[in-house]
Amino acid sequence: MKLRPYPRYKPSGVEWLGEVPENWTIVPFKYRCLRSAIYGANIGSDQYVPEGVRFLRTTDIDDFGDIRAEGVFIEPDQASGYLLADQDILLSRSGTLGRAFIYSAHTHPACAYAGYLVRFVPSPGLNAKFLFYFTKSLSFTDWLQTQVIASTIGNVNGQKYAQCPLSLPDRTTQDSIVNFLDRETERIDRLVEKKRELIERTNEKRKALILHTVTRGLASDTAYVVGLPETSPLKPSGFEWLQGVPAHWQVTRLKYAAERIVDCPHETPIYSTNGDFAVIRTADIISGSLQLDNVYRVDAEEYYRRIRRESVLPGDVLYGREGERWGFAALAPNSPVVCLGQRMMQFRAAAHYSGRFLMWQLNSRSVYEQGALDTLGSTAPHVNVETIRNYLLTEPPLPEQIAMAAFLDRETAKLDAMMQKVEQAIELLHKYRTALITAAVTGKVNVRKAVA
């Protein structure tokens, strides 16, 4: 598809808009609204009710301008004066600044809105969806950034939104732009969804590979192929989590596979921007590796307070046991010197056990399901130390452990690289989507004459 510019342009007089098509107007947003900058109701959570009028908050609106299925409700009399009408526009003035929502009387239930949202009632000359797309443009982001910098409290009030310069064509052209962007963004979003499905399938393959390897072994010395016969006869493990294991393997518990098991101090670390020591948090750990690009740091005094008698050594296994990302394990790096953040544990493999193999076992589904019993129904997942100490593990002969760990290092790296490439493709699609929206709503391209 080739997009061409409009025939003639004029200076907009607004730095972040640049030139606009000659017949477009530049006016503050409020002049295209029947009513503008109407603040929502300040109603506390103690006044929510099980049924009533849906009460929209900033957190109820997603990046695509939809409202989440789960929400809260208020009494009908509390909603009086705050009920939305068809095509009303809400903009967030705090939290996720600039997030927009268009109310549809045909698809949404009766809704009122909260105080951190600001309501605008568009005039017949303004297509509300055109404004929505404008809020997804780089131009609007640039304007929003100037307003945040000028603010001392980190929000953008309704009056600032009302004064935001809006470059606007006639209503017919607005409708054409909206129809074009609806079609093209839907196409991009479908591509993104397919790529996310590919990532999910690849991740499931990764999990299955880890599970099979640590509970059944390698199908050959050099490769793993689903469906190959087992390398040795199986025997019952005696435990639900492991089922059958190779006959020459043993079954053990983590407390026997590790010579050192350390739970982190419960106190929050005192971080220091100039600290020499890295703190590993649950946010830094994923299945099989650490992400240390934005690592937090502490000074020497805090470091020695947190290591509890002995430093974390390279090759120790680090494990997250609390929070949304519990259950991930990785090896401590060769550098930098690290200590444990909150919700983290440290294991040092015993002489008869490979630390790398232990790490992969902790990342397996069979171990995850053992810990999940402690997290059922919990809003803040937390695995007890005693549960972790008694995790059931397989214990192959040490040479096999080393071989299997090396195999998983290699094969998961291939899958991770594949997923990373797909993630990069998704990021490029998001950038293209934003660039396309920006070009269309600021008149840099004439979408009515798009050439396929």
Protein backbone atom coordinates (compact mmCIF):
# COMPACT_ATOMS: atom_id res chain seq x y z
CA MET A 1 0.00 0.00 0.00
CA LYS A 2 1.35 3.37 -1.03
CA LEU A 3 0.14 6.51 0.72
CA ARG A 4 0.58 9.93 -0.86
CA PRO A 5 0.53 13.39 0.77
CA TYR A 6 -2.14 16.04 0.30
CA PRO A 7 -1.58 18.51 -2.59
CA ARG A 8 -0.82 21.55 -0.44
CA TYR A 9 0.18 22.23 3.16
CA LYS A 10 0.37 25.20 5.50
CA PRO A 11 2.22 25.87 8.76
CA SER A 12 0.16 24.78 11.73
CA GLY A 13 1.82 27.20 14.14
CA VAL A 14 2.23 24.28 16.53
CA GLU A 15 5.73 22.83 16.82
CA TRP A 16 4.74 19.24 17.42
CA LEU A 17 2.20 19.25 14.56
CA GLY A 18 4.38 20.84 11.89
CA GLU A 19 2.64 21.47 8.58
CA VAL A 20 -0.97 20.38 8.01
CA PRO A 21 -3.09 20.13 4.87
CA GLU A 22 -4.17 23.52 3.57
CA ASN A 23 -7.89 23.04 4.26
CA TRP A 24 -7.51 21.60 7.78
CA THR A 25 -8.23 23.78 10.81
CA ILE A 26 -6.20 24.10 14.02
CA VAL A 27 -8.34 24.77 17.07
CA PRO A 28 -8.30 23.83 20.75
CA PHE A 29 -10.13 20.59 21.31
CA LYS A 30 -12.87 22.26 23.36
CA TYR A 31 -14.13 24.21 20.32
CA ARG A 32 -15.17 20.96 18.70
CA CYS A 33 -17.16 19.86 21.75
CA LEU A 34 -20.61 20.75 23.02
CA ARG A 35 -19.34 20.35 26.57
CA SER A 36 -15.76 19.87 27.70
CA ALA A 37 -13.59 19.02 30.70
CA ILE A 38 -16.34 17.57 32.91
CA TYR A 39 -14.82 15.81 35.90
CA GLY A 40 -16.09 12.49 37.20
CA ALA A 41 -17.52 11.50 40.57
CA ASN A 42 -15.30 11.08 43.63
CA ILE A 43 -16.72 7.90 45.12
CA GLY A 44 -14.64 5.69 47.39
CA SER A 45 -14.40 1.92 47.18
CA ASP A 46 -16.35 1.60 50.42
CA GLN A 47 -19.41 2.81 48.49
CA TYR A 48 -19.28 0.22 45.72
CA VAL A 49 -22.23 -2.16 45.49
CA PRO A 50 -22.64 -5.67 43.98
CA GLU A 51 -25.07 -4.43 41.31
CA GLY A 52 -26.02 -1.04 39.92
CA VAL A 53 -24.46 1.36 37.43
CA ARG A 54 -21.02 0.42 36.08
CA PHE A 55 -18.47 2.87 37.50
CA LEU A 56 -15.53 3.41 35.16
CA ARG A 57 -12.06 4.13 36.50
CA THR A 58 -8.80 4.67 34.67
CA THR A 59 -7.78 1.08 35.39
CA ASP A 60 -10.96 -0.22 33.70
CA ILE A 61 -9.87 1.12 30.28
CA ASP A 62 -7.30 -0.79 28.26
CA ASP A 63 -4.83 0.39 25.62
CA PHE A 64 -7.31 -0.35 22.83
CA GLY A 65 -10.05 1.85 24.26
CA ASP A 66 -12.15 -1.04 25.54
CA ILE A 67 -13.43 -1.50 29.07
CA ARG A 68 -12.45 -4.60 30.99
CA ALA A 69 -15.06 -7.26 31.66
CA GLU A 70 -14.64 -7.09 35.44
CA GLY A 71 -15.60 -3.82 37.12
CA VAL A 72 -17.29 -2.09 40.04
CA PHE A 73 -20.75 -0.61 40.50
CA ILE A 74 -22.40 2.28 42.32
CA GLU A 75 -25.98 3.09 43.30
CA PRO A 76 -28.08 4.73 40.55
CA ASP A 77 -28.62 7.88 42.62
CA GLN A 78 -24.82 8.31 42.98
CA ALA A 79 -24.48 8.10 39.18
CA SER A 80 -26.86 11.02 38.63
CA GLY A 81 -25.04 13.76 36.71
CA TYR A 82 -22.20 11.39 35.70
CA LEU A 83 -23.99 9.06 33.29
CA LEU A 84 -22.37 8.83 29.87
CA ALA A 85 -24.23 9.43 26.63
CA ASP A 86 -23.53 7.88 23.24
CA GLN A 87 -20.17 8.97 21.75
CA ASP A 88 -19.02 10.76 24.90
CA ILE A 89 -15.22 10.72 25.21
CA LEU A 90 -13.31 10.03 28.42
CA LEU A 91 -9.64 10.94 28.89
CA SER A 92 -7.50 9.87 31.82
CA ARG A 93 -5.92 12.76 33.71
CA SER A 94 -3.83 10.67 36.12
CA GLY A 95 -2.23 7.25 36.21
CA THR A 96 -2.08 6.17 32.57
CA LEU A 97 -2.26 9.69 31.16
CA GLY A 98 -4.09 10.22 27.91
CA ARG A 99 -5.83 6.85 27.86
CA ALA A 100 -9.08 7.35 25.95
CA PHE A 101 -12.49 5.69 25.83
CA ILE A 102 -15.55 6.30 23.65
CA TYR A 103 -18.86 5.33 25.20
CA SER A 104 -21.33 3.51 22.94
CA ALA A 105 -24.93 3.31 24.08
CA HIS A 106 -25.38 0.35 21.72
CA THR A 107 -22.61 -1.88 23.07
CA HIS A 108 -21.91 -0.71 26.64
CA PRO A 109 -24.12 -0.90 29.73
CA ALA A 110 -25.12 2.25 31.58
CA CYS A 111 -21.90 3.79 32.87
CA ALA A 112 -20.82 6.60 35.16
CA TYR A 113 -17.20 7.64 35.53
CA ALA A 114 -14.70 8.40 38.28
CA GLY A 115 -12.85 11.58 39.17
CA TYR A 116 -9.56 10.81 37.44
CA LEU A 117 -11.40 10.67 34.13
CA VAL A 118 -12.53 13.77 32.21
CA ARG A 119 -15.56 13.79 29.92
CA PHE A 120 -15.97 15.56 26.60
CA VAL A 121 -19.18 15.71 24.55
CA PRO A 122 -18.25 16.02 20.86
CA SER A 123 -20.13 18.30 18.47
CA PRO A 124 -21.66 16.85 15.27
CA GLY A 125 -18.61 18.10 13.36
CA LEU A 126 -16.22 15.85 15.35
CA ASN A 127 -16.02 12.11 14.84
CA ALA A 128 -15.25 10.82 18.31
CA LYS A 129 -13.21 7.94 16.86
CA PHE A 130 -10.99 10.46 15.05
CA LEU A 131 -10.13 12.00 18.42
CA PHE A 132 -9.51 8.53 19.85
CA TYR A 133 -7.00 7.81 17.11
CA PHE A 134 -5.42 11.22 17.70
CA THR A 135 -4.72 10.17 21.31
CA LYS A 136 -2.80 7.16 19.91
CA SER A 137 -0.54 9.34 17.76
CA LEU A 138 3.03 10.40 18.40
CA SER A 139 1.90 14.02 18.10
CA PHE A 140 -0.44 13.67 21.06
CA THR A 141 2.26 11.84 23.02
CA ASP A 142 4.65 14.73 22.36
CA TRP A 143 2.06 17.25 23.52
CA LEU A 144 1.27 15.17 26.60
CA GLN A 145 4.94 15.05 27.54
CA THR A 146 5.19 18.86 27.46
CA GLN A 147 2.21 19.10 29.80
CA VAL A 148 3.61 16.52 32.25
CA ILE A 149 6.98 18.30 32.37
CA ALA A 150 5.19 21.56 33.18
CA SER A 151 3.12 19.92 35.92
CA THR A 152 4.35 19.65 39.50
CA ILE A 153 1.98 16.80 40.40
CA GLY A 154 2.36 14.51 37.40
CA ASN A 155 -1.12 14.78 35.91
CA VAL A 156 -2.90 16.64 33.12
CA ASN A 157 -6.10 18.38 34.18
CA GLY A 158 -9.25 18.75 32.10
CA GLN A 159 -8.54 22.35 31.15
CA LYS A 160 -5.21 21.37 29.58
CA TYR A 161 -6.91 18.69 27.54
CA ALA A 162 -9.53 21.25 26.46
CA GLN A 163 -6.78 23.55 25.19
CA CYS A 164 -4.90 20.84 23.28
CA PRO A 165 -4.52 21.94 19.63
CA LEU A 166 -6.34 19.60 17.27
CA SER A 167 -5.72 19.56 13.51
CA LEU A 168 -9.04 18.69 11.97
CA PRO A 169 -10.36 18.14 8.45
CA ASP A 170 -14.05 18.28 7.49
CA ARG A 171 -16.36 15.60 8.87
CA THR A 172 -16.40 13.58 5.64
CA THR A 173 -12.60 13.37 5.62
CA GLN A 174 -12.58 12.48 9.32
CA ASP A 175 -14.95 9.60 8.58
CA SER A 176 -12.71 8.40 5.74
CA ILE A 177 -9.64 8.50 7.98
CA VAL A 178 -11.45 6.62 10.75
CA ASN A 179 -12.67 3.93 8.33
CA PHE A 180 -9.15 3.55 6.93
CA LEU A 181 -7.56 3.27 10.39
CA ASP A 182 -10.23 0.85 11.61
CA ARG A 183 -9.42 -1.44 8.71
CA GLU A 184 -5.64 -1.14 8.84
CA THR A 185 -5.22 -1.32 12.62
CA GLU A 186 -7.47 -4.37 12.71
CA ARG A 187 -5.23 -6.01 10.11
CA ILE A 188 -2.10 -5.14 12.13
CA ASP A 189 -3.70 -6.33 15.36
CA ARG A 190 -4.54 -9.68 13.74
CA LEU A 191 -0.92 -10.08 12.69
CA VAL A 192 0.21 -9.27 16.23
CA GLU A 193 -2.24 -11.79 17.67
CA LYS A 194 -0.95 -14.53 15.37
CA LYS A 195 2.62 -13.79 16.42
CA ARG A 196 1.62 -13.88 20.09
CA GLU A 197 0.01 -17.28 19.47
CA LEU A 198 3.29 -18.43 17.92
CA ILE A 199 5.17 -17.28 21.03
CA GLU A 200 2.70 -19.13 23.23
CA ARG A 201 3.07 -22.35 21.23
CA THR A 202 6.85 -22.06 21.30
CA ASN A 203 6.80 -21.44 25.05
CA GLU A 204 4.61 -24.50 25.57
CA LYS A 205 7.09 -26.52 23.50
CA ARG A 206 9.87 -25.20 25.73
CA LYS A 207 8.02 -26.25 28.88
CA ALA A 208 7.34 -29.72 27.46
CA LEU A 209 11.00 -30.09 26.50
CA ILE A 210 12.17 -29.24 30.03
CA LEU A 211 9.60 -31.54 31.64
CA HIS A 212 10.40 -34.50 29.41
CA THR A 213 14.15 -34.11 29.82
CA VAL A 214 14.25 -33.85 33.62
CA THR A 215 11.74 -36.65 34.20
CA ARG A 216 12.45 -39.09 31.33
CA GLY A 217 15.93 -38.23 30.04
CA LEU A 218 17.28 -37.73 26.52
CA ALA A 219 15.98 -39.71 23.59
CA SER A 220 19.55 -39.91 22.25
CA ASP A 221 22.98 -38.51 23.05
CA THR A 222 22.62 -35.60 20.63
CA ALA A 223 18.98 -34.71 20.07
CA TYR A 224 15.49 -34.76 21.47
CA VAL A 225 12.60 -35.74 19.22
CA VAL A 226 9.05 -36.07 20.49
CA GLY A 227 7.81 -39.63 20.11
CA LEU A 228 11.15 -41.47 20.22
CA PRO A 229 11.29 -44.48 22.55
CA GLU A 230 12.61 -43.97 26.03
CA THR A 231 16.29 -44.62 26.63
CA SER A 232 15.59 -47.11 29.41
CA PRO A 233 12.64 -48.94 30.98
CA LEU A 234 10.50 -46.88 33.37
CA LYS A 235 9.64 -47.63 36.95
CA PRO A 236 6.94 -46.05 39.13
CA SER A 237 8.29 -43.10 41.08
CA GLY A 238 5.76 -43.62 43.84
CA PHE A 239 4.66 -40.01 43.61
CA GLU A 240 1.88 -38.37 41.62
CA TRP A 241 4.07 -35.49 40.44
CA LEU A 242 6.70 -37.64 38.77
CA GLN A 243 4.82 -40.78 37.64
CA GLY A 244 7.25 -43.08 35.80
CA VAL A 245 11.00 -42.37 35.75
CA PRO A 246 13.91 -44.28 34.12
CA ALA A 247 14.59 -47.43 36.08
CA HIS A 248 18.17 -46.53 36.97
CA TRP A 249 17.22 -43.08 38.34
CA GLN A 250 16.44 -42.24 41.96
CA VAL A 251 13.83 -39.90 43.37
CA THR A 252 14.93 -37.39 46.00
CA ARG A 253 13.88 -34.15 47.64
CA LEU A 254 15.40 -30.71 47.22
CA LYS A 255 16.72 -30.68 50.78
CA TYR A 256 18.90 -33.70 49.89
CA ALA A 257 19.98 -32.34 46.50
CA ALA A 258 21.24 -29.06 47.96
CA GLU A 259 23.86 -28.56 50.63
CA ARG A 260 22.78 -24.97 51.20
CA ILE A 261 19.21 -23.56 51.24
CA VAL A 262 18.86 -19.88 52.11
CA ASP A 263 15.70 -17.81 52.31
CA CYS A 264 16.12 -14.07 51.79
CA PRO A 265 15.77 -11.52 54.59
CA HIS A 266 12.16 -10.40 54.78
CA GLU A 267 13.00 -6.71 55.01
CA THR A 268 12.91 -4.61 51.85
CA PRO A 269 16.47 -3.82 50.72
CA ILE A 270 17.70 -0.27 51.18
CA TYR A 271 18.62 0.52 47.60
CA SER A 272 21.45 2.84 46.62
CA THR A 273 21.89 4.36 43.16
CA ASN A 274 25.66 4.33 43.65
CA GLY A 275 25.86 0.89 45.27
CA ASP A 276 28.48 -1.60 44.13
CA PHE A 277 26.37 -4.71 44.77
CA ALA A 278 23.50 -6.00 42.61
CA VAL A 279 20.24 -7.20 44.15
CA ILE A 280 18.44 -10.03 42.36
CA ARG A 281 14.67 -9.59 42.55
CA THR A 282 11.81 -11.71 41.19
CA ALA A 283 11.50 -9.13 38.39
CA ASP A 284 15.07 -9.94 37.27
CA ILE A 285 14.57 -13.67 36.85
CA ILE A 286 12.95 -15.71 34.11
CA SER A 287 13.03 -19.41 33.37
CA GLY A 288 16.70 -20.27 33.06
CA SER A 289 18.27 -16.81 32.95
CA LEU A 290 18.63 -13.44 34.64
CA GLN A 291 17.83 -10.02 33.17
CA LEU A 292 20.30 -7.61 34.70
CA ASP A 293 19.88 -4.57 32.42
CA ASN A 294 18.04 -2.56 35.08
CA VAL A 295 19.31 -4.23 38.22
CA TYR A 296 18.83 -2.50 41.58
CA ARG A 297 21.87 -1.93 43.79
CA VAL A 298 22.84 -1.65 47.45
CA ASP A 299 25.92 -0.39 49.29
CA ALA A 300 28.37 -2.60 51.19
CA GLU A 301 26.60 -2.31 54.55
CA GLU A 302 23.26 -3.43 53.09
CA TYR A 303 24.95 -6.18 51.06
CA TYR A 304 26.54 -7.80 54.12
CA ARG A 305 23.27 -7.53 56.01
CA ARG A 306 21.47 -9.47 53.26
CA ILE A 307 23.89 -12.27 52.42
CA ARG A 308 23.43 -14.01 55.78
CA ARG A 309 26.89 -15.31 56.58
CA GLU A 310 27.97 -16.33 53.09
CA SER A 311 27.94 -14.70 49.68
CA VAL A 312 25.95 -15.88 46.68
CA LEU A 313 28.52 -17.71 44.56
CA PRO A 314 28.57 -18.08 40.77
CA GLY A 315 26.58 -21.20 39.89
CA ASP A 316 24.29 -21.03 42.92
CA VAL A 317 20.63 -21.48 41.99
CA LEU A 318 18.41 -18.43 42.56
CA TYR A 319 14.67 -19.01 42.90
CA GLY A 320 11.63 -16.75 43.22
CA ARG A 321 9.08 -18.01 45.71
CA GLU A 322 6.55 -15.16 45.94
CA GLY A 323 4.59 -12.81 43.72
CA GLU A 324 3.19 -13.18 40.23
CA ARG A 325 6.53 -14.47 38.88
CA TRP A 326 7.18 -17.15 41.47
CA GLY A 327 8.60 -20.48 40.34
CA PHE A 328 11.38 -19.19 38.07
CA ALA A 329 14.97 -20.30 38.65
CA ALA A 330 18.32 -19.20 37.21
CA LEU A 331 22.00 -19.53 38.03
CA ALA A 332 23.85 -16.76 39.85
CA PRO A 333 26.12 -14.92 37.40
CA ASN A 334 29.92 -14.88 37.41
CA SER A 335 29.62 -11.11 37.86
CA PRO A 336 28.50 -8.79 39.28
CA VAL A 337 28.51 -9.66 42.98
CA VAL A 338 24.89 -10.19 43.97
CA CYS A 339 22.64 -10.64 46.97
CA LEU A 340 19.02 -11.69 47.37
CA GLY A 341 16.11 -9.28 47.17
CA GLN A 342 12.74 -9.95 48.73
CA ARG A 343 10.93 -13.17 47.81
CA MET A 344 14.11 -14.89 46.64
CA MET A 345 15.87 -18.10 47.69
CA GLN A 346 19.38 -19.45 47.11
CA PHE A 347 20.38 -23.10 46.68
CA ARG A 348 23.84 -24.62 46.38
CA ALA A 349 23.84 -28.09 44.87
CA ALA A 350 25.33 -30.98 46.81
CA ALA A 351 28.42 -32.77 45.43
CA HIS A 352 26.32 -35.54 43.85
CA TYR A 353 24.02 -33.10 42.12
CA SER A 354 24.53 -30.69 39.18
CA GLY A 355 23.56 -27.09 39.93
CA ARG A 356 22.51 -26.53 36.33
CA PHE A 357 20.34 -29.65 36.37
CA LEU A 358 18.80 -28.51 39.68
CA MET A 359 18.02 -25.17 38.08
CA TRP A 360 16.23 -26.80 35.15
CA GLN A 361 14.29 -29.10 37.47
CA LEU A 362 13.02 -26.07 39.38
CA ASN A 363 11.83 -24.60 36.07
CA SER A 364 9.93 -27.77 35.16
CA ARG A 365 6.17 -28.13 35.27
CA SER A 366 6.39 -31.10 37.65
CA VAL A 367 8.05 -28.94 40.31
CA TYR A 368 5.87 -25.91 39.59
CA GLU A 369 2.73 -27.94 40.26
CA GLN A 370 4.07 -28.99 43.65
CA GLY A 371 4.57 -25.36 44.68
CA ALA A 372 1.22 -24.31 43.19
CA LEU A 373 -0.63 -26.09 46.00
CA ASP A 374 0.53 -23.33 48.36
CA THR A 375 -0.69 -20.58 46.04
CA LEU A 376 -4.26 -21.76 45.34
CA GLY A 377 -6.79 -19.00 45.98
CA SER A 378 -4.11 -16.56 47.04
CA THR A 379 -4.14 -12.98 45.74
CA ALA A 380 -0.42 -12.74 46.56
CA PRO A 381 1.12 -16.11 45.56
CA HIS A 382 3.55 -17.41 48.18
CA VAL A 383 5.26 -20.79 48.41
CA ASN A 384 6.28 -21.92 51.88
CA VAL A 385 9.94 -22.66 52.50
CA GLU A 386 9.08 -26.08 53.91
CA THR A 387 7.18 -26.95 50.72
CA ILE A 388 10.20 -25.93 48.66
CA ARG A 389 12.63 -27.91 50.81
CA ASN A 390 10.51 -31.00 50.17
CA TYR A 391 10.06 -30.62 46.42
CA LEU A 392 10.33 -34.04 44.78
CA LEU A 393 13.12 -34.20 42.20
CA THR A 394 14.59 -36.87 39.96
CA GLU A 395 18.19 -37.90 40.60
CA PRO A 396 19.87 -39.43 37.55
CA PRO A 397 23.56 -40.36 37.72
CA LEU A 398 25.67 -37.20 37.80
CA PRO A 399 27.10 -37.60 34.26
CA GLU A 400 23.53 -37.78 32.91
CA GLN A 401 22.56 -34.68 34.90
CA ILE A 402 25.44 -32.75 33.36
CA ALA A 403 24.57 -33.96 29.84
CA MET A 404 20.88 -33.14 30.22
CA ALA A 405 21.62 -29.67 31.61
CA ALA A 406 23.92 -28.93 28.66
CA PHE A 407 21.23 -30.17 26.27
CA LEU A 408 18.60 -27.92 27.84
CA ASP A 409 20.97 -24.95 27.80
CA ARG A 410 21.41 -25.42 24.07
CA GLU A 411 17.85 -26.27 23.04
CA THR A 412 16.07 -23.68 25.17
CA ALA A 413 18.49 -21.04 23.85
CA LYS A 414 17.27 -21.84 20.32
CA LEU A 415 13.64 -21.53 21.34
CA ASP A 416 14.32 -18.34 23.30
CA ALA A 417 16.06 -16.80 20.27
CA MET A 418 13.06 -17.68 18.12
CA MET A 419 10.65 -16.06 20.58
CA GLN A 420 12.85 -13.00 20.81
CA LYS A 421 12.74 -12.54 17.04
CA VAL A 422 8.94 -12.78 17.10
CA GLU A 423 8.81 -10.24 19.95
CA GLN A 424 10.95 -7.89 17.87
CA ALA A 425 8.56 -8.33 14.94
CA ILE A 426 5.64 -7.47 17.24
CA GLU A 427 7.46 -4.34 18.41
CA LEU A 428 7.99 -3.26 14.79
CA LEU A 429 4.29 -3.81 14.06
CA HIS A 430 3.36 -1.66 17.06
CA LYS A 431 5.68 1.09 15.83
CA TYR A 432 4.24 0.87 12.34
CA ARG A 433 0.69 1.03 13.76
CA THR A 434 1.51 4.19 15.72
CA ALA A 435 3.31 5.78 12.77
CA LEU A 436 0.37 5.03 10.46
CA ILE A 437 -2.12 6.54 12.92
CA THR A 438 0.08 9.61 13.37
CA ALA A 439 0.45 10.18 9.63
CA ALA A 440 -3.29 9.80 9.02
CA VAL A 441 -4.64 12.01 11.82
CA THR A 442 -2.13 14.82 11.26
CA GLY A 443 -2.60 14.89 7.49
CA LYS A 444 0.86 13.69 6.51
CA VAL A 445 -0.79 11.20 4.14
CA ASN A 446 -4.08 11.32 2.23
CA VAL A 447 -5.71 8.00 3.04
CA ARG A 448 -8.68 8.68 0.75
CA LYS A 449 -6.32 8.08 -2.16
CA ALA A 450 -4.47 5.11 -0.73
CA VAL A 451 -3.04 2.83 -3.39
CA ALA A 452 -2.89 -0.88 -2.58
